[in-house]
PDB file of N, CA and C in Angstrom:
ATOM      1  N   UNK A   1       0.831  -1.189   0.000  1.00  0.00           N
ATOM      2  CA  UNK A   1       0.000   0.000   0.000  1.00  0.00           C
ATOM      3  C   UNK A   1       0.874   1.250   0.000  1.00  0.00           C
ATOM      4  N   UNK A   2       1.844   1.290   0.892  1.00  0.00           N
ATOM      5  CA  UNK A   2       2.664   2.494   1.005  1.00  0.00           C
ATOM      6  C   UNK A   2       3.634   2.645  -0.147  1.00  0.00           C
ATOM      7  N   UNK A   3       4.205   1.541  -0.615  1.00  0.00           N
ATOM      8  CA  UNK A   3       5.203   1.644  -1.674  1.00  0.00           C
ATOM      9  C   UNK A   3       4.588   2.129  -2.980  1.00  0.00           C
ATOM     10  N   UNK A   4       3.298   1.928  -3.169  1.00  0.00           N
ATOM     11  CA  UNK A   4       2.625   2.398  -4.374  1.00  0.00           C
ATOM     12  C   UNK A   4       2.124   3.826  -4.228  1.00  0.00           C
ATOM     13  N   UNK A   5       2.055   4.310  -3.016  1.00  0.00           N
ATOM     14  CA  UNK A   5       1.551   5.651  -2.747  1.00  0.00           C
ATOM     15  C   UNK A   5       2.700   6.642  -2.875  1.00  0.00           C
ATOM     16  N   UNK A   6       2.588   7.577  -3.773  1.00  0.00           N
ATOM     17  CA  UNK A   6       3.683   8.511  -4.053  1.00  0.00           C
ATOM     18  C   UNK A   6       3.519   9.829  -3.307  1.00  0.00           C
ATOM     19  N   UNK A   7       3.116   9.767  -2.075  1.00  0.00           N
ATOM     20  CA  UNK A   7       2.927  10.962  -1.266  1.00  0.00           C
ATOM     21  C   UNK A   7       4.259  11.377  -0.657  1.00  0.00           C
ATOM     22  N   UNK A   8       4.604  12.658  -0.726  1.00  0.00           N
ATOM     23  CA  UNK A   8       5.881  13.121  -0.198  1.00  0.00           C
ATOM     24  C   UNK A   8       5.924  13.042   1.323  1.00  0.00           C
ATOM     25  N   UNK A   9       4.839  13.330   1.980  1.00  0.00           N
ATOM     26  CA  UNK A   9       4.795  13.311   3.437  1.00  0.00           C
ATOM     27  C   UNK A   9       4.180  11.992   3.903  1.00  0.00           C
ATOM     28  N   UNK A  10       5.000  10.960   4.035  1.00  0.00           N
ATOM     29  CA  UNK A  10       4.487   9.659   4.435  1.00  0.00           C
ATOM     30  C   UNK A  10       3.993   9.648   5.869  1.00  0.00           C
ATOM     31  N   UNK A  11       4.467  10.586   6.701  1.00  0.00           N
ATOM     32  CA  UNK A  11       3.960  10.642   8.069  1.00  0.00           C
ATOM     33  C   UNK A  11       2.466  10.905   8.087  1.00  0.00           C
ATOM     34  N   UNK A  12       1.960  11.525   7.052  1.00  0.00           N
ATOM     35  CA  UNK A  12       0.527  11.761   6.941  1.00  0.00           C
ATOM     36  C   UNK A  12      -0.259  10.492   6.660  1.00  0.00           C
ATOM     37  N   UNK A  13       0.415   9.391   6.413  1.00  0.00           N
ATOM     38  CA  UNK A  13      -0.248   8.124   6.116  1.00  0.00           C
ATOM     39  C   UNK A  13      -0.642   7.355   7.376  1.00  0.00           C
ATOM     40  N   UNK A  14      -0.144   7.750   8.531  1.00  0.00           N
ATOM     41  CA  UNK A  14      -0.435   7.009   9.768  1.00  0.00           C
ATOM     42  C   UNK A  14      -1.930   6.866  10.041  1.00  0.00           C
ATOM     43  N   UNK A  15      -2.739   7.913   9.897  1.00  0.00           N
ATOM     44  CA  UNK A  15      -4.177   7.727  10.138  1.00  0.00           C
ATOM     45  C   UNK A  15      -4.808   6.715   9.179  1.00  0.00           C
ATOM     46  N   UNK A  16      -4.356   6.696   7.924  1.00  0.00           N
ATOM     47  CA  UNK A  16      -4.890   5.728   6.959  1.00  0.00           C
ATOM     48  C   UNK A  16      -4.505   4.309   7.351  1.00  0.00           C
ATOM     49  N   UNK A  17      -3.274   4.118   7.806  1.00  0.00           N
ATOM     50  CA  UNK A  17      -2.845   2.796   8.274  1.00  0.00           C
ATOM     51  C   UNK A  17      -3.634   2.360   9.498  1.00  0.00           C
ATOM     52  N   UNK A  18      -3.838   3.303  10.402  1.00  0.00           N
ATOM     53  CA  UNK A  18      -4.589   3.023  11.616  1.00  0.00           C
ATOM     54  C   UNK A  18      -5.993   2.522  11.281  1.00  0.00           C
ATOM     55  N   UNK A  19      -6.632   3.191  10.344  1.00  0.00           N
ATOM     56  CA  UNK A  19      -7.986   2.797   9.940  1.00  0.00           C
ATOM     57  C   UNK A  19      -8.000   1.493   9.158  1.00  0.00           C
ATOM     58  N   UNK A  20      -7.062   1.338   8.242  1.00  0.00           N
ATOM     59  CA  UNK A  20      -7.046   0.157   7.378  1.00  0.00           C
ATOM     60  C   UNK A  20      -6.773  -1.127   8.148  1.00  0.00           C
ATOM     61  N   UNK A  21      -5.921  -1.047   9.169  1.00  0.00           N
ATOM     62  CA  UNK A  21      -5.526  -2.255   9.892  1.00  0.00           C
ATOM     63  C   UNK A  21      -6.074  -2.327  11.310  1.00  0.00           C
ATOM     64  N   UNK A  22      -6.967  -1.381  11.644  1.00  0.00           N
ATOM     65  CA  UNK A  22      -7.624  -1.377  12.955  1.00  0.00           C
ATOM     66  C   UNK A  22      -6.609  -1.411  14.098  1.00  0.00           C
ATOM     67  N   UNK A  23      -5.623  -0.517  14.012  1.00  0.00           N
ATOM     68  CA  UNK A  23      -4.605  -0.399  15.055  1.00  0.00           C
ATOM     69  C   UNK A  23      -4.618   1.038  15.567  1.00  0.00           C
ATOM     70  N   UNK A  24      -3.989   1.265  16.696  1.00  0.00           N
ATOM     71  CA  UNK A  24      -3.957   2.613  17.255  1.00  0.00           C
ATOM     72  C   UNK A  24      -3.092   3.517  16.379  1.00  0.00           C
ATOM     73  N   UNK A  25      -3.318   4.804  16.489  1.00  0.00           N
ATOM     74  CA  UNK A  25      -2.531   5.771  15.731  1.00  0.00           C
ATOM     75  C   UNK A  25      -1.064   5.689  16.134  1.00  0.00           C
ATOM     76  N   UNK A  26      -0.792   5.503  17.414  1.00  0.00           N
ATOM     77  CA  UNK A  26       0.586   5.381  17.895  1.00  0.00           C
ATOM     78  C   UNK A  26       1.287   4.177  17.259  1.00  0.00           C
ATOM     79  N   UNK A  27       0.593   3.041  17.218  1.00  0.00           N
ATOM     80  CA  UNK A  27       1.180   1.843  16.607  1.00  0.00           C
ATOM     81  C   UNK A  27       1.387   2.052  15.110  1.00  0.00           C
ATOM     82  N   UNK A  28       0.449   2.704  14.455  1.00  0.00           N
ATOM     83  CA  UNK A  28       0.583   2.993  13.025  1.00  0.00           C
ATOM     84  C   UNK A  28       1.785   3.887  12.755  1.00  0.00           C
ATOM     85  N   UNK A  29       2.001   4.879  13.600  1.00  0.00           N
ATOM     86  CA  UNK A  29       3.160   5.765  13.436  1.00  0.00           C
ATOM     87  C   UNK A  29       4.465   4.994  13.615  1.00  0.00           C
ATOM     88  N   UNK A  30       4.514   4.091  14.591  1.00  0.00           N
ATOM     89  CA  UNK A  30       5.703   3.275  14.825  1.00  0.00           C
ATOM     90  C   UNK A  30       5.981   2.372  13.630  1.00  0.00           C
ATOM     91  N   UNK A  31       4.953   1.693  13.143  1.00  0.00           N
ATOM     92  CA  UNK A  31       5.121   0.805  12.000  1.00  0.00           C
ATOM     93  C   UNK A  31       5.531   1.576  10.750  1.00  0.00           C
ATOM     94  N   UNK A  32       4.956   2.745  10.557  1.00  0.00           N
ATOM     95  CA  UNK A  32       5.301   3.583   9.417  1.00  0.00           C
ATOM     96  C   UNK A  32       6.760   4.015   9.482  1.00  0.00           C
ATOM     97  N   UNK A  33       7.217   4.416  10.652  1.00  0.00           N
ATOM     98  CA  UNK A  33       8.613   4.828  10.819  1.00  0.00           C
ATOM     99  C   UNK A  33       9.547   3.657  10.529  1.00  0.00           C
ATOM    100  N   UNK A  34       9.201   2.454  10.986  1.00  0.00           N
ATOM    101  CA  UNK A  34      10.023   1.281  10.718  1.00  0.00           C
ATOM    102  C   UNK A  34      10.048   0.969   9.225  1.00  0.00           C
ATOM    103  N   UNK A  35       8.901   1.083   8.576  1.00  0.00           N
ATOM    104  CA  UNK A  35       8.844   0.828   7.139  1.00  0.00           C
ATOM    105  C   UNK A  35       9.734   1.820   6.394  1.00  0.00           C
ATOM    106  N   UNK A  36       9.681   3.088   6.790  1.00  0.00           N
ATOM    107  CA  UNK A  36      10.498   4.097   6.113  1.00  0.00           C
ATOM    108  C   UNK A  36      11.989   3.854   6.346  1.00  0.00           C
ATOM    109  N   UNK A  37      12.365   3.385   7.530  1.00  0.00           N
ATOM    110  CA  UNK A  37      13.772   3.089   7.818  1.00  0.00           C
ATOM    111  C   UNK A  37      14.275   1.920   6.976  1.00  0.00           C
ATOM    112  N   UNK A  38      13.407   0.992   6.660  1.00  0.00           N
ATOM    113  CA  UNK A  38      13.819  -0.246   6.007  1.00  0.00           C
ATOM    114  C   UNK A  38      13.486  -0.339   4.530  1.00  0.00           C
ATOM    115  N   UNK A  39      12.743   0.604   3.977  1.00  0.00           N
ATOM    116  CA  UNK A  39      12.294   0.503   2.594  1.00  0.00           C
ATOM    117  C   UNK A  39      13.461   0.474   1.621  1.00  0.00           C
ATOM    118  N   UNK A  40      13.374  -0.419   0.663  1.00  0.00           N
ATOM    119  CA  UNK A  40      14.362  -0.495  -0.419  1.00  0.00           C
ATOM    120  C   UNK A  40      13.610  -0.606  -1.737  1.00  0.00           C
ATOM    121  N   UNK A  41      14.014   0.175  -2.719  1.00  0.00           N
ATOM    122  CA  UNK A  41      13.378   0.129  -4.038  1.00  0.00           C
ATOM    123  C   UNK A  41      13.521  -1.234  -4.702  1.00  0.00           C
ATOM    124  N   UNK A  42      14.652  -1.902  -4.466  1.00  0.00           N
ATOM    125  CA  UNK A  42      14.896  -3.185  -5.126  1.00  0.00           C
ATOM    126  C   UNK A  42      14.204  -4.362  -4.444  1.00  0.00           C
ATOM    127  N   UNK A  43      13.646  -4.143  -3.258  1.00  0.00           N
ATOM    128  CA  UNK A  43      12.927  -5.202  -2.557  1.00  0.00           C
ATOM    129  C   UNK A  43      13.813  -6.264  -1.938  1.00  0.00           C
ATOM    130  N   UNK A  44      15.113  -6.037  -1.906  1.00  0.00           N
ATOM    131  CA  UNK A  44      16.043  -7.008  -1.332  1.00  0.00           C
ATOM    132  C   UNK A  44      16.297  -6.655   0.134  1.00  0.00           C
ATOM    133  N   UNK A  45      15.775  -7.471   1.014  1.00  0.00           N
ATOM    134  CA  UNK A  45      15.892  -7.205   2.444  1.00  0.00           C
ATOM    135  C   UNK A  45      16.749  -8.272   3.111  1.00  0.00           C
ATOM    136  N   UNK A  46      18.022  -7.978   3.292  1.00  0.00           N
ATOM    137  CA  UNK A  46      18.919  -8.908   3.954  1.00  0.00           C
ATOM    138  C   UNK A  46      18.991  -8.614   5.444  1.00  0.00           C
ATOM    139  N   UNK A  47      18.662  -7.395   5.822  1.00  0.00           N
ATOM    140  CA  UNK A  47      18.692  -6.997   7.222  1.00  0.00           C
ATOM    141  C   UNK A  47      17.556  -5.989   7.441  1.00  0.00           C
ATOM    142  N   UNK A  48      16.858  -6.127   8.541  1.00  0.00           N
ATOM    143  CA  UNK A  48      15.768  -5.214   8.890  1.00  0.00           C
ATOM    144  C   UNK A  48      16.163  -4.492  10.167  1.00  0.00           C
ATOM    145  N   UNK A  49      15.984  -3.183  10.180  1.00  0.00           N
ATOM    146  CA  UNK A  49      16.287  -2.382  11.356  1.00  0.00           C
ATOM    147  C   UNK A  49      15.011  -2.115  12.135  1.00  0.00           C
ATOM    148  N   UNK A  50      15.109  -2.094  13.443  1.00  0.00           N
ATOM    149  CA  UNK A  50      13.971  -1.795  14.303  1.00  0.00           C
ATOM    150  C   UNK A  50      14.444  -0.887  15.427  1.00  0.00           C
ATOM    151  N   UNK A  51      13.532  -0.082  15.933  1.00  0.00           N
ATOM    152  CA  UNK A  51      13.863   0.779  17.054  1.00  0.00           C
ATOM    153  C   UNK A  51      13.797  -0.020  18.346  1.00  0.00           C
ATOM    154  N   UNK A  52      14.468   0.447  19.389  1.00  0.00           N
ATOM    155  CA  UNK A  52      14.413  -0.219  20.684  1.00  0.00           C
ATOM    156  C   UNK A  52      12.983  -0.329  21.182  1.00  0.00           C
ATOM    157  N   UNK A  53      12.228   0.744  20.995  1.00  0.00           N
ATOM    158  CA  UNK A  53      10.849   0.772  21.477  1.00  0.00           C
ATOM    159  C   UNK A  53      10.012  -0.312  20.812  1.00  0.00           C
ATOM    160  N   UNK A  54      10.205  -0.530  19.510  1.00  0.00           N
ATOM    161  CA  UNK A  54       9.388  -1.510  18.808  1.00  0.00           C
ATOM    162  C   UNK A  54       9.701  -2.941  19.247  1.00  0.00           C
ATOM    163  N   UNK A  55      10.900  -3.175  19.731  1.00  0.00           N
ATOM    164  CA  UNK A  55      11.262  -4.509  20.179  1.00  0.00           C
ATOM    165  C   UNK A  55      10.571  -4.886  21.484  1.00  0.00           C
ATOM    166  N   UNK A  56      10.115  -3.884  22.230  1.00  0.00           N
ATOM    167  CA  UNK A  56       9.456  -4.129  23.512  1.00  0.00           C
ATOM    168  C   UNK A  56       7.950  -4.201  23.390  1.00  0.00           C
ATOM    169  N   UNK A  57       7.425  -4.040  22.196  1.00  0.00           N
ATOM    170  CA  UNK A  57       5.965  -4.067  22.005  1.00  0.00           C
ATOM    171  C   UNK A  57       5.473  -5.465  21.734  1.00  0.00           C
TER     172      UNK A  57
END
């Protein structure tokens, strides 16, 4: 969903994620930030980065 959306301000996508996946806005913002940290155009994911906070959820 996000990779096809060409919006410059992806932080504005958190409410849409929250609604689409029935999660809290806070969780949507965390997931969005993780996606932005890890996104690769080539789709090759050999390593995924996560924040300390997300590891405790």
